[in-house]
Amino acid sequence: MTEKRNQSPNGSFLMRRFPERIEFVCDRCLQPKVAKIQVEWDDGRTLQPKVICNGCYGRLMSAPD
């Protein structure tokens, strides 16, 4: 598994790439996903980071705060 940290005005992110695909539900778009990439998003408003998909990560990184 590889990890990469990133920051934006929308919060901090920890992107994880797993060797095999995993199933999860994105906490932002609420869609079931099957992917090798999963992102933990700490928006500073919740106690625990949210698990989001790569698509939501891309939208948060490109969107202004």
N, C-alpha and C. Protein backbone atom coordinates (compact mmCIF):
# COMPACT_ATOMS: atom_id res chain seq x y z
N MET A 1 0.85 -1.17 0.00
CA MET A 1 0.00 0.00 0.00
C MET A 1 0.90 1.24 0.00
N THR A 2 0.56 2.20 -0.84
CA THR A 2 1.28 3.47 -0.86
C THR A 2 0.37 4.57 -0.35
N GLU A 3 0.97 5.58 0.28
CA GLU A 3 0.21 6.70 0.84
C GLU A 3 0.79 8.02 0.37
N LYS A 4 -0.10 8.99 0.21
CA LYS A 4 0.32 10.34 -0.19
C LYS A 4 -0.56 11.35 0.55
N ARG A 5 0.07 12.33 1.19
CA ARG A 5 -0.67 13.37 1.91
C ARG A 5 -0.72 14.63 1.05
N ASN A 6 -1.84 15.37 1.18
CA ASN A 6 -2.01 16.60 0.42
C ASN A 6 -2.89 17.56 1.22
N GLN A 7 -2.73 18.85 0.99
CA GLN A 7 -3.51 19.90 1.65
C GLN A 7 -4.17 20.77 0.61
N SER A 8 -5.34 21.30 0.94
CA SER A 8 -6.00 22.31 0.12
C SER A 8 -6.83 23.17 1.07
N PRO A 9 -7.42 24.26 0.58
CA PRO A 9 -8.29 25.05 1.45
C PRO A 9 -9.50 24.25 1.97
N ASN A 10 -9.82 23.14 1.31
CA ASN A 10 -10.97 22.33 1.72
C ASN A 10 -10.62 21.28 2.78
N GLY A 11 -9.35 21.19 3.19
CA GLY A 11 -8.97 20.25 4.23
C GLY A 11 -7.68 19.51 3.90
N SER A 12 -7.40 18.49 4.72
CA SER A 12 -6.21 17.67 4.47
C SER A 12 -6.67 16.29 4.00
N PHE A 13 -5.82 15.69 3.17
CA PHE A 13 -6.18 14.43 2.52
C PHE A 13 -5.04 13.43 2.68
N LEU A 14 -5.42 12.15 2.84
CA LEU A 14 -4.48 11.05 2.85
C LEU A 14 -4.98 10.05 1.80
N MET A 15 -4.26 9.98 0.68
CA MET A 15 -4.65 9.08 -0.40
C MET A 15 -3.91 7.76 -0.22
N ARG A 16 -4.67 6.66 -0.26
CA ARG A 16 -4.09 5.33 -0.13
C ARG A 16 -4.38 4.52 -1.39
N ARG A 17 -3.33 3.89 -1.90
CA ARG A 17 -3.49 2.99 -3.04
C ARG A 17 -3.22 1.57 -2.55
N PHE A 18 -4.23 0.71 -2.63
CA PHE A 18 -4.14 -0.67 -2.19
C PHE A 18 -3.74 -1.57 -3.36
N PRO A 19 -3.12 -2.70 -3.07
CA PRO A 19 -2.74 -3.61 -4.16
C PRO A 19 -3.94 -4.27 -4.83
N GLU A 20 -5.03 -4.42 -4.11
CA GLU A 20 -6.25 -5.03 -4.65
C GLU A 20 -7.41 -4.06 -4.50
N ARG A 21 -8.44 -4.25 -5.30
CA ARG A 21 -9.62 -3.38 -5.21
C ARG A 21 -10.37 -3.67 -3.91
N ILE A 22 -10.91 -2.60 -3.32
CA ILE A 22 -11.70 -2.73 -2.09
C ILE A 22 -13.07 -2.10 -2.32
N GLU A 23 -14.04 -2.55 -1.55
CA GLU A 23 -15.39 -2.00 -1.62
C GLU A 23 -15.61 -1.06 -0.44
N PHE A 24 -16.22 0.10 -0.72
CA PHE A 24 -16.56 1.06 0.33
C PHE A 24 -17.65 1.99 -0.19
N VAL A 25 -18.24 2.75 0.71
CA VAL A 25 -19.22 3.77 0.35
C VAL A 25 -18.58 5.12 0.61
N CYS A 26 -18.58 5.98 -0.39
CA CYS A 26 -18.00 7.30 -0.27
C CYS A 26 -18.84 8.14 0.69
N ASP A 27 -18.20 8.77 1.67
CA ASP A 27 -18.91 9.59 2.66
C ASP A 27 -19.34 10.94 2.09
N ARG A 28 -18.90 11.29 0.90
CA ARG A 28 -19.29 12.58 0.31
C ARG A 28 -20.42 12.40 -0.71
N CYS A 29 -20.24 11.51 -1.70
CA CYS A 29 -21.27 11.32 -2.73
C CYS A 29 -22.23 10.19 -2.38
N LEU A 30 -21.92 9.44 -1.31
CA LEU A 30 -22.77 8.35 -0.79
C LEU A 30 -23.01 7.23 -1.81
N GLN A 31 -22.08 7.06 -2.75
CA GLN A 31 -22.19 6.01 -3.76
C GLN A 31 -21.29 4.84 -3.37
N PRO A 32 -21.75 3.60 -3.60
CA PRO A 32 -20.86 2.45 -3.37
C PRO A 32 -19.75 2.45 -4.41
N LYS A 33 -18.55 2.14 -3.99
CA LYS A 33 -17.39 2.17 -4.87
C LYS A 33 -16.59 0.88 -4.74
N VAL A 34 -15.92 0.50 -5.82
CA VAL A 34 -14.95 -0.58 -5.83
C VAL A 34 -13.72 -0.01 -6.52
N ALA A 35 -12.64 0.18 -5.76
CA ALA A 35 -11.47 0.86 -6.31
C ALA A 35 -10.22 0.47 -5.53
N LYS A 36 -9.07 0.73 -6.15
CA LYS A 36 -7.80 0.54 -5.46
C LYS A 36 -7.41 1.78 -4.68
N ILE A 37 -8.01 2.92 -5.01
CA ILE A 37 -7.67 4.19 -4.35
C ILE A 37 -8.80 4.61 -3.42
N GLN A 38 -8.41 4.97 -2.20
CA GLN A 38 -9.35 5.46 -1.19
C GLN A 38 -8.69 6.66 -0.53
N VAL A 39 -9.47 7.69 -0.22
CA VAL A 39 -8.92 8.91 0.35
C VAL A 39 -9.59 9.20 1.69
N GLU A 40 -8.79 9.50 2.70
CA GLU A 40 -9.32 9.98 3.97
C GLU A 40 -9.27 11.51 3.93
N TRP A 41 -10.40 12.14 4.21
CA TRP A 41 -10.53 13.59 4.13
C TRP A 41 -10.86 14.14 5.51
N ASP A 42 -10.01 15.02 6.02
CA ASP A 42 -10.24 15.70 7.29
C ASP A 42 -10.57 17.14 6.96
N ASP A 43 -11.86 17.48 7.06
CA ASP A 43 -12.30 18.83 6.71
C ASP A 43 -12.22 19.79 7.90
N GLY A 44 -11.80 19.29 9.07
CA GLY A 44 -11.66 20.14 10.25
C GLY A 44 -12.96 20.37 10.98
N ARG A 45 -14.06 19.83 10.49
CA ARG A 45 -15.37 20.03 11.13
C ARG A 45 -15.88 18.79 11.85
N THR A 46 -15.32 17.63 11.54
CA THR A 46 -15.77 16.39 12.15
C THR A 46 -14.64 15.79 12.98
N LEU A 47 -15.00 14.90 13.91
CA LEU A 47 -14.00 14.29 14.77
C LEU A 47 -13.16 13.26 14.04
N GLN A 48 -13.77 12.52 13.11
CA GLN A 48 -13.05 11.50 12.36
C GLN A 48 -12.99 11.87 10.89
N PRO A 49 -11.90 11.47 10.22
CA PRO A 49 -11.82 11.75 8.78
C PRO A 49 -12.89 10.97 8.01
N LYS A 50 -13.34 11.54 6.91
CA LYS A 50 -14.32 10.89 6.05
C LYS A 50 -13.57 10.09 4.98
N VAL A 51 -14.12 8.96 4.59
CA VAL A 51 -13.55 8.15 3.52
C VAL A 51 -14.27 8.54 2.24
N ILE A 52 -13.51 9.06 1.26
CA ILE A 52 -14.12 9.51 0.01
C ILE A 52 -13.45 8.83 -1.18
N CYS A 53 -14.12 8.90 -2.31
CA CYS A 53 -13.62 8.29 -3.54
C CYS A 53 -12.64 9.24 -4.25
N ASN A 54 -11.94 8.72 -5.23
CA ASN A 54 -10.97 9.49 -5.99
C ASN A 54 -11.65 10.64 -6.75
N GLY A 55 -12.88 10.43 -7.24
CA GLY A 55 -13.60 11.48 -7.95
C GLY A 55 -13.93 12.66 -7.05
N CYS A 56 -14.42 12.38 -5.85
CA CYS A 56 -14.72 13.46 -4.90
C CYS A 56 -13.44 14.17 -4.47
N TYR A 57 -12.35 13.43 -4.31
CA TYR A 57 -11.06 14.03 -4.00
C TYR A 57 -10.66 15.03 -5.09
N GLY A 58 -10.79 14.65 -6.34
CA GLY A 58 -10.45 15.54 -7.45
C GLY A 58 -11.30 16.79 -7.46
N ARG A 59 -12.60 16.64 -7.18
CA ARG A 59 -13.49 17.82 -7.15
C ARG A 59 -13.12 18.75 -5.99
N LEU A 60 -12.78 18.19 -4.84
CA LEU A 60 -12.40 19.02 -3.69
C LEU A 60 -11.07 19.72 -3.91
N MET A 61 -10.13 19.07 -4.59
CA MET A 61 -8.83 19.68 -4.84
C MET A 61 -8.93 20.81 -5.88
N SER A 62 -9.87 20.70 -6.83
CA SER A 62 -9.96 21.72 -7.87
C SER A 62 -10.93 22.84 -7.52
N ALA A 63 -11.79 22.63 -6.53
CA ALA A 63 -12.80 23.62 -6.17
C ALA A 63 -12.22 24.64 -5.20
N PRO A 64 -12.62 25.90 -5.35
CA PRO A 64 -12.20 26.88 -4.33
C PRO A 64 -12.93 26.59 -3.02
N ASP A 65 -12.37 27.08 -1.94
CA ASP A 65 -12.98 26.83 -0.62
C ASP A 65 -14.26 27.54 -0.55
